[in-house]
Amino acid sequence: MKMNLKPLRDQVIVVTGAGSGIGAATAKMAADRGAKVVLVGRQEDTLMRLVEEIVHAGGSAISVPADVGVQDDHARILERAI
């Protein structure tokens, strides 16, 4: 079954664990390809540096300091992404 996905430039992508490792790399790659990225992680300073890096490179990014293990943070992440 073939899935028809929107081009990345037409998507908003929420990346959890965006402060380092695979999460940061995924966020950068998605932004480089035109996606609007929402960076989620526990370290606000780290997220802000990554937002600055992505925006400086011409991408679109916001950060949401949050812990996905905390149920109350889920609505805030969703609200910012929308």
N, C-alpha and C. Protein backbone atom coordinates (compact mmCIF):
# COMPACT_ATOMS: atom_id res chain seq x y z
N MET A 1 0.84 -1.17 0.00
CA MET A 1 0.00 0.00 0.00
C MET A 1 0.89 1.24 0.00
N LYS A 2 0.73 2.07 -1.01
CA LYS A 2 1.53 3.28 -1.12
C LYS A 2 0.85 4.41 -0.36
N MET A 3 1.64 5.11 0.47
CA MET A 3 1.11 6.24 1.21
C MET A 3 1.45 7.52 0.46
N ASN A 4 0.49 8.42 0.39
CA ASN A 4 0.72 9.72 -0.23
C ASN A 4 0.97 10.74 0.87
N LEU A 5 2.22 11.09 1.06
CA LEU A 5 2.58 12.04 2.09
C LEU A 5 2.75 13.43 1.50
N LYS A 6 2.42 14.43 2.28
CA LYS A 6 2.67 15.81 1.87
C LYS A 6 4.18 16.03 1.79
N PRO A 7 4.62 16.92 0.92
CA PRO A 7 6.03 17.29 0.91
C PRO A 7 6.40 17.89 2.28
N LEU A 8 7.63 17.72 2.69
CA LEU A 8 8.05 18.24 3.99
C LEU A 8 7.79 19.73 4.12
N ARG A 9 7.91 20.48 3.05
CA ARG A 9 7.70 21.93 3.12
C ARG A 9 6.26 22.28 3.51
N ASP A 10 5.35 21.32 3.43
CA ASP A 10 3.96 21.53 3.79
C ASP A 10 3.59 20.91 5.13
N GLN A 11 4.60 20.52 5.92
CA GLN A 11 4.33 19.82 7.16
C GLN A 11 4.91 20.56 8.37
N VAL A 12 4.24 20.36 9.48
CA VAL A 12 4.77 20.74 10.79
C VAL A 12 5.14 19.43 11.47
N ILE A 13 6.38 19.34 11.92
CA ILE A 13 6.86 18.10 12.52
C ILE A 13 7.27 18.37 13.96
N VAL A 14 6.70 17.60 14.89
CA VAL A 14 7.08 17.68 16.29
C VAL A 14 8.17 16.64 16.53
N VAL A 15 9.32 17.12 17.03
CA VAL A 15 10.44 16.22 17.28
C VAL A 15 10.70 16.20 18.78
N THR A 16 10.47 15.06 19.40
CA THR A 16 10.75 14.92 20.83
C THR A 16 12.21 14.50 21.00
N GLY A 17 12.76 14.83 22.13
CA GLY A 17 14.18 14.55 22.35
C GLY A 17 15.05 15.35 21.42
N ALA A 18 14.59 16.55 21.07
CA ALA A 18 15.26 17.35 20.04
C ALA A 18 16.55 18.00 20.52
N GLY A 19 16.84 17.93 21.79
CA GLY A 19 18.02 18.60 22.31
C GLY A 19 19.34 17.95 21.96
N SER A 20 19.32 16.72 21.52
CA SER A 20 20.59 16.04 21.22
C SER A 20 20.36 14.81 20.36
N GLY A 21 21.45 14.24 19.91
CA GLY A 21 21.43 12.96 19.22
C GLY A 21 20.52 12.90 18.00
N ILE A 22 19.80 11.79 17.90
CA ILE A 22 18.94 11.55 16.75
C ILE A 22 17.84 12.60 16.65
N GLY A 23 17.31 13.06 17.78
CA GLY A 23 16.27 14.08 17.76
C GLY A 23 16.75 15.37 17.13
N ALA A 24 17.93 15.83 17.53
CA ALA A 24 18.49 17.07 16.97
C ALA A 24 18.80 16.89 15.49
N ALA A 25 19.37 15.76 15.13
CA ALA A 25 19.71 15.51 13.72
C ALA A 25 18.44 15.45 12.87
N THR A 26 17.40 14.81 13.38
CA THR A 26 16.14 14.72 12.65
C THR A 26 15.53 16.11 12.45
N ALA A 27 15.56 16.93 13.50
CA ALA A 27 15.00 18.28 13.41
C ALA A 27 15.74 19.10 12.36
N LYS A 28 17.07 19.04 12.38
CA LYS A 28 17.87 19.79 11.41
C LYS A 28 17.59 19.32 9.98
N MET A 29 17.53 18.02 9.77
CA MET A 29 17.29 17.49 8.43
C MET A 29 15.90 17.88 7.93
N ALA A 30 14.89 17.79 8.79
CA ALA A 30 13.53 18.15 8.39
C ALA A 30 13.46 19.65 8.06
N ALA A 31 14.08 20.48 8.88
CA ALA A 31 14.07 21.92 8.63
C ALA A 31 14.82 22.25 7.35
N ASP A 32 15.94 21.58 7.11
CA ASP A 32 16.71 21.79 5.87
C ASP A 32 15.87 21.47 4.64
N ARG A 33 14.92 20.56 4.80
CA ARG A 33 14.08 20.16 3.67
C ARG A 33 12.75 20.92 3.63
N GLY A 34 12.63 21.95 4.51
CA GLY A 34 11.49 22.85 4.44
C GLY A 34 10.39 22.66 5.46
N ALA A 35 10.48 21.65 6.29
CA ALA A 35 9.44 21.45 7.30
C ALA A 35 9.53 22.53 8.38
N LYS A 36 8.40 22.84 8.96
CA LYS A 36 8.36 23.67 10.16
C LYS A 36 8.52 22.70 11.32
N VAL A 37 9.52 22.92 12.17
CA VAL A 37 9.78 21.96 13.23
C VAL A 37 9.46 22.54 14.59
N VAL A 38 8.90 21.69 15.45
CA VAL A 38 8.62 22.01 16.83
C VAL A 38 9.56 21.14 17.65
N LEU A 39 10.52 21.78 18.31
CA LEU A 39 11.53 21.06 19.07
C LEU A 39 11.06 20.88 20.51
N VAL A 40 10.99 19.65 20.96
CA VAL A 40 10.53 19.34 22.31
C VAL A 40 11.65 18.63 23.06
N GLY A 41 11.90 19.10 24.28
CA GLY A 41 12.91 18.48 25.13
C GLY A 41 12.89 19.14 26.50
N ARG A 42 13.70 18.63 27.38
CA ARG A 42 13.70 19.13 28.76
C ARG A 42 14.66 20.28 28.98
N GLN A 43 15.65 20.45 28.12
CA GLN A 43 16.68 21.48 28.31
C GLN A 43 16.40 22.71 27.45
N GLU A 44 15.77 23.73 28.04
CA GLU A 44 15.34 24.90 27.29
C GLU A 44 16.51 25.60 26.58
N ASP A 45 17.64 25.76 27.25
CA ASP A 45 18.78 26.43 26.64
C ASP A 45 19.28 25.70 25.40
N THR A 46 19.33 24.38 25.49
CA THR A 46 19.78 23.57 24.35
C THR A 46 18.81 23.71 23.19
N LEU A 47 17.52 23.68 23.47
CA LEU A 47 16.51 23.83 22.42
C LEU A 47 16.62 25.19 21.75
N MET A 48 16.82 26.23 22.55
CA MET A 48 16.91 27.58 21.99
C MET A 48 18.12 27.72 21.07
N ARG A 49 19.24 27.10 21.43
CA ARG A 49 20.42 27.14 20.55
C ARG A 49 20.12 26.45 19.23
N LEU A 50 19.41 25.34 19.27
CA LEU A 50 19.06 24.63 18.04
C LEU A 50 18.07 25.43 17.20
N VAL A 51 17.11 26.09 17.84
CA VAL A 51 16.18 26.96 17.11
C VAL A 51 16.97 28.04 16.39
N GLU A 52 17.90 28.68 17.09
CA GLU A 52 18.72 29.73 16.47
C GLU A 52 19.51 29.20 15.28
N GLU A 53 20.07 28.01 15.43
CA GLU A 53 20.85 27.40 14.35
C GLU A 53 19.96 27.15 13.12
N ILE A 54 18.78 26.59 13.35
CA ILE A 54 17.87 26.28 12.25
C ILE A 54 17.39 27.56 11.56
N VAL A 55 16.99 28.55 12.35
CA VAL A 55 16.51 29.81 11.79
C VAL A 55 17.62 30.53 11.04
N HIS A 56 18.82 30.53 11.59
CA HIS A 56 19.97 31.17 10.93
C HIS A 56 20.24 30.52 9.57
N ALA A 57 19.98 29.23 9.46
CA ALA A 57 20.19 28.51 8.20
C ALA A 57 19.00 28.66 7.24
N GLY A 58 17.98 29.44 7.65
CA GLY A 58 16.84 29.68 6.78
C GLY A 58 15.62 28.82 7.06
N GLY A 59 15.67 28.02 8.12
CA GLY A 59 14.55 27.14 8.44
C GLY A 59 13.57 27.78 9.40
N SER A 60 12.54 27.03 9.74
CA SER A 60 11.49 27.49 10.64
C SER A 60 11.41 26.54 11.83
N ALA A 61 11.58 27.08 13.04
CA ALA A 61 11.56 26.24 14.23
C ALA A 61 11.11 27.03 15.45
N ILE A 62 10.43 26.33 16.34
CA ILE A 62 10.11 26.85 17.66
C ILE A 62 10.48 25.77 18.67
N SER A 63 10.61 26.17 19.93
CA SER A 63 10.92 25.18 20.96
C SER A 63 9.81 25.14 21.99
N VAL A 64 9.63 23.97 22.56
CA VAL A 64 8.68 23.78 23.66
C VAL A 64 9.39 22.96 24.73
N PRO A 65 9.89 23.64 25.77
CA PRO A 65 10.50 22.88 26.86
C PRO A 65 9.42 22.03 27.54
N ALA A 66 9.60 20.74 27.52
CA ALA A 66 8.58 19.84 28.07
C ALA A 66 9.18 18.46 28.26
N ASP A 67 8.48 17.67 29.06
CA ASP A 67 8.85 16.28 29.29
C ASP A 67 7.68 15.43 28.80
N VAL A 68 7.88 14.65 27.75
CA VAL A 68 6.77 13.86 27.21
C VAL A 68 6.27 12.80 28.18
N GLY A 69 7.03 12.56 29.24
CA GLY A 69 6.59 11.63 30.27
C GLY A 69 5.59 12.26 31.24
N VAL A 70 5.36 13.57 31.09
CA VAL A 70 4.42 14.29 31.95
C VAL A 70 3.16 14.60 31.15
N GLN A 71 2.07 13.98 31.52
CA GLN A 71 0.82 14.10 30.78
C GLN A 71 0.39 15.55 30.57
N ASP A 72 0.56 16.38 31.57
CA ASP A 72 0.14 17.79 31.46
C ASP A 72 0.91 18.55 30.38
N ASP A 73 2.09 18.10 30.02
CA ASP A 73 2.88 18.78 28.99
C ASP A 73 2.35 18.50 27.58
N HIS A 74 1.62 17.43 27.39
CA HIS A 74 1.16 17.04 26.06
C HIS A 74 0.28 18.11 25.40
N ALA A 75 -0.67 18.65 26.14
CA ALA A 75 -1.57 19.66 25.58
C ALA A 75 -0.79 20.91 25.19
N ARG A 76 0.20 21.29 25.99
CA ARG A 76 1.00 22.48 25.69
C ARG A 76 1.81 22.27 24.42
N ILE A 77 2.37 21.09 24.25
CA ILE A 77 3.12 20.78 23.03
C ILE A 77 2.19 20.87 21.81
N LEU A 78 1.04 20.26 21.91
CA LEU A 78 0.07 20.28 20.81
C LEU A 78 -0.37 21.70 20.49
N GLU A 79 -0.67 22.47 21.52
CA GLU A 79 -1.11 23.86 21.30
C GLU A 79 -0.05 24.67 20.56
N ARG A 80 1.20 24.53 20.94
CA ARG A 80 2.27 25.27 20.27
C ARG A 80 2.46 24.79 18.84
N ALA A 81 2.31 23.50 18.61
CA ALA A 81 2.48 22.96 17.26
C ALA A 81 1.38 23.47 16.32
N ILE A 82 0.18 23.55 16.85
CA ILE A 82 -0.94 24.03 16.02
C ILE A 82 -0.78 25.51 15.75
